[in-house]
Protein backbone atom coordinates (compact mmCIF):
# COMPACT_ATOMS: atom_id res chain seq x y z
CA UNK A 1 0.00 0.00 0.00
CA UNK A 2 1.05 3.55 -0.53
CA UNK A 3 1.13 6.14 2.17
CA UNK A 4 -1.55 8.77 2.50
CA UNK A 5 0.77 11.68 1.54
CA UNK A 6 1.74 9.85 -1.64
CA UNK A 7 -1.89 9.36 -2.59
CA UNK A 8 -2.69 13.01 -1.88
CA UNK A 9 0.25 14.13 -4.01
CA UNK A 10 -0.83 11.87 -6.86
CA UNK A 11 -4.40 13.17 -6.64
CA UNK A 12 -3.17 16.77 -6.69
CA UNK A 13 -0.95 16.18 -9.70
CA UNK A 14 -3.76 14.46 -11.58
CA UNK A 15 -6.09 17.35 -10.80
CA UNK A 16 -3.56 19.89 -12.05
CA UNK A 17 -3.01 17.91 -15.24
CA UNK A 18 -6.75 17.66 -15.79
CA UNK A 19 -7.19 21.41 -15.45
CA UNK A 20 -4.26 22.05 -17.79
CA UNK A 21 -5.67 19.72 -20.43
CA UNK A 22 -9.14 21.21 -20.07
CA UNK A 23 -7.78 24.60 -21.12
CA UNK A 24 -6.41 23.34 -24.47
CA UNK A 25 -8.31 24.46 -27.55
CA UNK A 26 -9.61 27.57 -29.25
CA UNK A 27 -13.34 27.11 -28.64
CA UNK A 28 -15.62 25.46 -26.07
CA UNK A 29 -16.02 22.29 -28.14
CA UNK A 30 -12.28 21.71 -28.40
CA UNK A 31 -11.77 22.46 -24.73
CA UNK A 32 -14.51 20.05 -23.72
CA UNK A 33 -13.05 17.35 -25.98
CA UNK A 34 -9.47 17.72 -24.71
CA UNK A 35 -10.71 17.87 -21.12
CA UNK A 36 -12.78 14.74 -21.62
CA UNK A 37 -9.91 12.80 -23.16
CA UNK A 38 -7.51 13.96 -20.47
CA UNK A 39 -9.96 13.05 -17.76
CA UNK A 40 -10.56 9.62 -19.25
CA UNK A 41 -6.83 8.93 -19.35
CA UNK A 42 -6.32 10.02 -15.76
CA UNK A 43 -9.46 8.81 -14.03
CA UNK A 44 -11.62 6.74 -16.37
CA UNK A 45 -15.27 7.51 -17.13
CA UNK A 46 -15.79 9.81 -14.15
CA UNK A 47 -12.69 11.77 -15.15
CA UNK A 48 -14.02 12.13 -18.68
CA UNK A 49 -17.22 13.72 -17.38
CA UNK A 50 -15.36 16.08 -15.07
CA UNK A 51 -12.74 16.95 -17.69
CA UNK A 52 -15.37 17.70 -20.31
CA UNK A 53 -17.32 19.86 -17.89
CA UNK A 54 -14.26 21.80 -16.78
CA UNK A 55 -13.16 22.20 -20.40
CA UNK A 56 -16.51 23.62 -21.42
CA UNK A 57 -16.61 25.88 -18.37
CA UNK A 58 -13.22 27.43 -19.15
CA UNK A 59 -14.47 28.85 -22.45
CA UNK A 60 -14.42 32.60 -22.89
PDB file of N, CA and C in Angstrom:
ATOM      1  N   UNK A   1       0.832  -1.185   0.000  1.00  0.00           N
ATOM      2  CA  UNK A   1       0.000   0.000   0.000  1.00  0.00           C
ATOM      3  C   UNK A   1       0.878   1.251   0.000  1.00  0.00           C
ATOM      4  N   UNK A   2       0.322   2.287  -0.538  1.00  0.00           N
ATOM      5  CA  UNK A   2       1.049   3.548  -0.534  1.00  0.00           C
ATOM      6  C   UNK A   2       0.609   4.382   0.649  1.00  0.00           C
ATOM      7  N   UNK A   3       1.470   5.293   1.038  1.00  0.00           N
ATOM      8  CA  UNK A   3       1.134   6.136   2.173  1.00  0.00           C
ATOM      9  C   UNK A   3       0.125   7.211   1.783  1.00  0.00           C
ATOM     10  N   UNK A   4      -0.532   7.750   2.755  1.00  0.00           N
ATOM     11  CA  UNK A   4      -1.549   8.773   2.503  1.00  0.00           C
ATOM     12  C   UNK A   4      -0.958  10.009   1.817  1.00  0.00           C
ATOM     13  N   UNK A   5       0.206  10.523   2.243  1.00  0.00           N
ATOM     14  CA  UNK A   5       0.766  11.683   1.543  1.00  0.00           C
ATOM     15  C   UNK A   5       1.058  11.404   0.068  1.00  0.00           C
ATOM     16  N   UNK A   6       1.477  10.202  -0.242  1.00  0.00           N
ATOM     17  CA  UNK A   6       1.742   9.848  -1.638  1.00  0.00           C
ATOM     18  C   UNK A   6       0.460   9.868  -2.455  1.00  0.00           C
ATOM     19  N   UNK A   7      -0.603   9.361  -1.888  1.00  0.00           N
ATOM     20  CA  UNK A   7      -1.890   9.360  -2.590  1.00  0.00           C
ATOM     21  C   UNK A   7      -2.416  10.782  -2.776  1.00  0.00           C
ATOM     22  N   UNK A   8      -2.240  11.620  -1.773  1.00  0.00           N
ATOM     23  CA  UNK A   8      -2.686  13.006  -1.884  1.00  0.00           C
ATOM     24  C   UNK A   8      -1.882  13.759  -2.938  1.00  0.00           C
ATOM     25  N   UNK A   9      -0.587  13.505  -2.989  1.00  0.00           N
ATOM     26  CA  UNK A   9       0.253  14.134  -4.008  1.00  0.00           C
ATOM     27  C   UNK A   9      -0.159  13.679  -5.397  1.00  0.00           C
ATOM     28  N   UNK A  10      -0.404  12.400  -5.565  1.00  0.00           N
ATOM     29  CA  UNK A  10      -0.828  11.874  -6.862  1.00  0.00           C
ATOM     30  C   UNK A  10      -2.170  12.468  -7.273  1.00  0.00           C
ATOM     31  N   UNK A  11      -3.095  12.588  -6.341  1.00  0.00           N
ATOM     32  CA  UNK A  11      -4.403  13.170  -6.641  1.00  0.00           C
ATOM     33  C   UNK A  11      -4.260  14.638  -7.035  1.00  0.00           C
ATOM     34  N   UNK A  12      -3.399  15.359  -6.355  1.00  0.00           N
ATOM     35  CA  UNK A  12      -3.173  16.766  -6.689  1.00  0.00           C
ATOM     36  C   UNK A  12      -2.552  16.934  -8.059  1.00  0.00           C
ATOM     37  N   UNK A  13      -1.591  16.102  -8.383  1.00  0.00           N
ATOM     38  CA  UNK A  13      -0.952  16.179  -9.697  1.00  0.00           C
ATOM     39  C   UNK A  13      -1.928  15.823 -10.812  1.00  0.00           C
ATOM     40  N   UNK A  14      -2.753  14.827 -10.578  1.00  0.00           N
ATOM     41  CA  UNK A  14      -3.762  14.462 -11.582  1.00  0.00           C
ATOM     42  C   UNK A  14      -4.771  15.588 -11.774  1.00  0.00           C
ATOM     43  N   UNK A  15      -5.156  16.230 -10.701  1.00  0.00           N
ATOM     44  CA  UNK A  15      -6.093  17.348 -10.805  1.00  0.00           C
ATOM     45  C   UNK A  15      -5.492  18.502 -11.590  1.00  0.00           C
ATOM     46  N   UNK A  16      -4.232  18.810 -11.324  1.00  0.00           N
ATOM     47  CA  UNK A  16      -3.563  19.890 -12.047  1.00  0.00           C
ATOM     48  C   UNK A  16      -3.434  19.559 -13.530  1.00  0.00           C
ATOM     49  N   UNK A  17      -3.109  18.319 -13.837  1.00  0.00           N
ATOM     50  CA  UNK A  17      -3.005  17.908 -15.238  1.00  0.00           C
ATOM     51  C   UNK A  17      -4.357  17.976 -15.928  1.00  0.00           C
ATOM     52  N   UNK A  18      -5.401  17.601 -15.234  1.00  0.00           N
ATOM     53  CA  UNK A  18      -6.751  17.659 -15.795  1.00  0.00           C
ATOM     54  C   UNK A  18      -7.146  19.096 -16.111  1.00  0.00           C
ATOM     55  N   UNK A  19      -6.855  20.003 -15.208  1.00  0.00           N
ATOM     56  CA  UNK A  19      -7.189  21.405 -15.455  1.00  0.00           C
ATOM     57  C   UNK A  19      -6.357  21.978 -16.599  1.00  0.00           C
ATOM     58  N   UNK A  20      -5.104  21.575 -16.696  1.00  0.00           N
ATOM     59  CA  UNK A  20      -4.261  22.055 -17.794  1.00  0.00           C
ATOM     60  C   UNK A  20      -4.772  21.533 -19.134  1.00  0.00           C
ATOM     61  N   UNK A  21      -5.152  20.274 -19.186  1.00  0.00           N
ATOM     62  CA  UNK A  21      -5.674  19.716 -20.429  1.00  0.00           C
ATOM     63  C   UNK A  21      -7.027  20.312 -20.797  1.00  0.00           C
ATOM     64  N   UNK A  22      -7.816  20.653 -19.800  1.00  0.00           N
ATOM     65  CA  UNK A  22      -9.135  21.214 -20.068  1.00  0.00           C
ATOM     66  C   UNK A  22      -9.041  22.583 -20.725  1.00  0.00           C
ATOM     67  N   UNK A  23      -7.925  23.265 -20.566  1.00  0.00           N
ATOM     68  CA  UNK A  23      -7.783  24.603 -21.123  1.00  0.00           C
ATOM     69  C   UNK A  23      -7.241  24.584 -22.552  1.00  0.00           C
ATOM     70  N   UNK A  24      -6.938  23.428 -23.108  1.00  0.00           N
ATOM     71  CA  UNK A  24      -6.414  23.340 -24.471  1.00  0.00           C
ATOM     72  C   UNK A  24      -7.545  23.500 -25.482  1.00  0.00           C
ATOM     73  N   UNK A  25      -7.324  24.291 -26.497  1.00  0.00           N
ATOM     74  CA  UNK A  25      -8.309  24.465 -27.555  1.00  0.00           C
ATOM     75  C   UNK A  25      -8.678  25.920 -27.749  1.00  0.00           C
ATOM     76  N   UNK A  26      -9.249  26.198 -28.908  1.00  0.00           N
ATOM     77  CA  UNK A  26      -9.610  27.568 -29.249  1.00  0.00           C
ATOM     78  C   UNK A  26     -11.083  27.884 -29.019  1.00  0.00           C
ATOM     79  N   UNK A  27     -11.904  26.874 -28.850  1.00  0.00           N
ATOM     80  CA  UNK A  27     -13.336  27.110 -28.640  1.00  0.00           C
ATOM     81  C   UNK A  27     -13.861  26.121 -27.602  1.00  0.00           C
ATOM     82  N   UNK A  28     -15.086  26.334 -27.128  1.00  0.00           N
ATOM     83  CA  UNK A  28     -15.623  25.458 -26.074  1.00  0.00           C
ATOM     84  C   UNK A  28     -15.677  23.981 -26.457  1.00  0.00           C
ATOM     85  N   UNK A  29     -15.942  23.690 -27.717  1.00  0.00           N
ATOM     86  CA  UNK A  29     -16.025  22.291 -28.138  1.00  0.00           C
ATOM     87  C   UNK A  29     -14.663  21.613 -28.032  1.00  0.00           C
ATOM     88  N   UNK A  30     -13.617  22.290 -28.493  1.00  0.00           N
ATOM     89  CA  UNK A  30     -12.277  21.710 -28.403  1.00  0.00           C
ATOM     90  C   UNK A  30     -11.839  21.562 -26.950  1.00  0.00           C
ATOM     91  N   UNK A  31     -12.154  22.539 -26.140  1.00  0.00           N
ATOM     92  CA  UNK A  31     -11.771  22.461 -24.727  1.00  0.00           C
ATOM     93  C   UNK A  31     -12.500  21.332 -24.018  1.00  0.00           C
ATOM     94  N   UNK A  32     -13.768  21.154 -24.324  1.00  0.00           N
ATOM     95  CA  UNK A  32     -14.514  20.049 -23.717  1.00  0.00           C
ATOM     96  C   UNK A  32     -13.953  18.711 -24.174  1.00  0.00           C
ATOM     97  N   UNK A  33     -13.589  18.616 -25.451  1.00  0.00           N
ATOM     98  CA  UNK A  33     -13.046  17.355 -25.979  1.00  0.00           C
ATOM     99  C   UNK A  33     -11.698  17.029 -25.349  1.00  0.00           C
ATOM    100  N   UNK A  34     -10.786  18.002 -25.291  1.00  0.00           N
ATOM    101  CA  UNK A  34      -9.468  17.718 -24.705  1.00  0.00           C
ATOM    102  C   UNK A  34      -9.589  17.447 -23.212  1.00  0.00           C
ATOM    103  N   UNK A  35     -10.500  18.146 -22.537  1.00  0.00           N
ATOM    104  CA  UNK A  35     -10.715  17.875 -21.115  1.00  0.00           C
ATOM    105  C   UNK A  35     -11.278  16.489 -20.886  1.00  0.00           C
ATOM    106  N   UNK A  36     -12.204  16.076 -21.747  1.00  0.00           N
ATOM    107  CA  UNK A  36     -12.781  14.740 -21.619  1.00  0.00           C
ATOM    108  C   UNK A  36     -11.770  13.643 -21.856  1.00  0.00           C
ATOM    109  N   UNK A  37     -10.942  13.808 -22.868  1.00  0.00           N
ATOM    110  CA  UNK A  37      -9.907  12.805 -23.159  1.00  0.00           C
ATOM    111  C   UNK A  37      -8.892  12.754 -22.025  1.00  0.00           C
ATOM    112  N   UNK A  38      -8.465  13.921 -21.582  1.00  0.00           N
ATOM    113  CA  UNK A  38      -7.507  13.956 -20.473  1.00  0.00           C
ATOM    114  C   UNK A  38      -8.073  13.335 -19.210  1.00  0.00           C
ATOM    115  N   UNK A  39      -9.324  13.633 -18.937  1.00  0.00           N
ATOM    116  CA  UNK A  39      -9.957  13.054 -17.760  1.00  0.00           C
ATOM    117  C   UNK A  39     -10.105  11.551 -17.864  1.00  0.00           C
ATOM    118  N   UNK A  40     -10.422  11.074 -19.061  1.00  0.00           N
ATOM    119  CA  UNK A  40     -10.561   9.624 -19.255  1.00  0.00           C
ATOM    120  C   UNK A  40      -9.238   8.910 -19.049  1.00  0.00           C
ATOM    121  N   UNK A  41      -8.161   9.528 -19.514  1.00  0.00           N
ATOM    122  CA  UNK A  41      -6.833   8.931 -19.353  1.00  0.00           C
ATOM    123  C   UNK A  41      -6.456   8.876 -17.874  1.00  0.00           C
ATOM    124  N   UNK A  42      -6.748   9.952 -17.152  1.00  0.00           N
ATOM    125  CA  UNK A  42      -6.321  10.024 -15.761  1.00  0.00           C
ATOM    126  C   UNK A  42      -7.236   9.294 -14.794  1.00  0.00           C
ATOM    127  N   UNK A  43      -8.551   9.337 -15.041  1.00  0.00           N
ATOM    128  CA  UNK A  43      -9.465   8.810 -14.027  1.00  0.00           C
ATOM    129  C   UNK A  43     -10.620   7.986 -14.579  1.00  0.00           C
ATOM    130  N   UNK A  44     -10.560   7.582 -15.822  1.00  0.00           N
ATOM    131  CA  UNK A  44     -11.616   6.741 -16.372  1.00  0.00           C
ATOM    132  C   UNK A  44     -12.869   7.527 -16.705  1.00  0.00           C
ATOM    133  N   UNK A  45     -14.024   6.857 -16.722  1.00  0.00           N
ATOM    134  CA  UNK A  45     -15.275   7.506 -17.132  1.00  0.00           C
ATOM    135  C   UNK A  45     -15.653   8.728 -16.299  1.00  0.00           C
ATOM    136  N   UNK A  46     -15.464   8.652 -14.994  1.00  0.00           N
ATOM    137  CA  UNK A  46     -15.793   9.808 -14.150  1.00  0.00           C
ATOM    138  C   UNK A  46     -14.888  10.985 -14.486  1.00  0.00           C
ATOM    139  N   UNK A  47     -13.627  10.718 -14.765  1.00  0.00           N
ATOM    140  CA  UNK A  47     -12.690  11.771 -15.149  1.00  0.00           C
ATOM    141  C   UNK A  47     -13.061  12.396 -16.475  1.00  0.00           C
ATOM    142  N   UNK A  48     -13.601  11.600 -17.379  1.00  0.00           N
ATOM    143  CA  UNK A  48     -14.018  12.133 -18.678  1.00  0.00           C
ATOM    144  C   UNK A  48     -15.159  13.123 -18.506  1.00  0.00           C
ATOM    145  N   UNK A  49     -16.092  12.817 -17.628  1.00  0.00           N
ATOM    146  CA  UNK A  49     -17.215  13.724 -17.380  1.00  0.00           C
ATOM    147  C   UNK A  49     -16.717  15.017 -16.746  1.00  0.00           C
ATOM    148  N   UNK A  50     -15.881  14.895 -15.742  1.00  0.00           N
ATOM    149  CA  UNK A  50     -15.355  16.081 -15.066  1.00  0.00           C
ATOM    150  C   UNK A  50     -14.481  16.893 -16.009  1.00  0.00           C
ATOM    151  N   UNK A  51     -13.622  16.241 -16.762  1.00  0.00           N
ATOM    152  CA  UNK A  51     -12.744  16.947 -17.694  1.00  0.00           C
ATOM    153  C   UNK A  51     -13.518  17.687 -18.767  1.00  0.00           C
ATOM    154  N   UNK A  52     -14.542  17.046 -19.306  1.00  0.00           N
ATOM    155  CA  UNK A  52     -15.367  17.699 -20.314  1.00  0.00           C
ATOM    156  C   UNK A  52     -16.115  18.895 -19.747  1.00  0.00           C
ATOM    157  N   UNK A  53     -16.602  18.757 -18.530  1.00  0.00           N
ATOM    158  CA  UNK A  53     -17.323  19.859 -17.892  1.00  0.00           C
ATOM    159  C   UNK A  53     -16.399  21.029 -17.604  1.00  0.00           C
ATOM    160  N   UNK A  54     -15.225  20.730 -17.063  1.00  0.00           N
ATOM    161  CA  UNK A  54     -14.260  21.797 -16.780  1.00  0.00           C
ATOM    162  C   UNK A  54     -13.791  22.445 -18.069  1.00  0.00           C
ATOM    163  N   UNK A  55     -13.579  21.656 -19.116  1.00  0.00           N
ATOM    164  CA  UNK A  55     -13.157  22.199 -20.402  1.00  0.00           C
ATOM    165  C   UNK A  55     -14.194  23.144 -20.978  1.00  0.00           C
ATOM    166  N   UNK A  56     -15.439  22.758 -20.903  1.00  0.00           N
ATOM    167  CA  UNK A  56     -16.510  23.625 -21.419  1.00  0.00           C
ATOM    168  C   UNK A  56     -16.667  24.868 -20.563  1.00  0.00           C
ATOM    169  N   UNK A  57     -16.439  24.746 -19.277  1.00  0.00           N
ATOM    170  CA  UNK A  57     -16.611  25.884 -18.368  1.00  0.00           C
ATOM    171  C   UNK A  57     -15.487  26.904 -18.494  1.00  0.00           C
ATOM    172  N   UNK A  58     -14.333  26.497 -19.031  1.00  0.00           N
ATOM    173  CA  UNK A  58     -13.217  27.434 -19.154  1.00  0.00           C
ATOM    174  C   UNK A  58     -13.283  28.263 -20.415  1.00  0.00           C
ATOM    175  N   UNK A  59     -14.325  28.094 -21.200  1.00  0.00           N
ATOM    176  CA  UNK A  59     -14.466  28.847 -22.452  1.00  0.00           C
ATOM    177  C   UNK A  59     -14.716  30.319 -22.161  1.00  0.00           C
ATOM    178  N   UNK A  60     -14.219  31.144 -23.041  1.00  0.00           N
ATOM    179  CA  UNK A  60     -14.416  32.602 -22.888  1.00  0.00           C
ATOM    180  C   UNK A  60     -15.792  33.012 -23.331  1.00  0.00           C
TER     181      UNK A  60
END
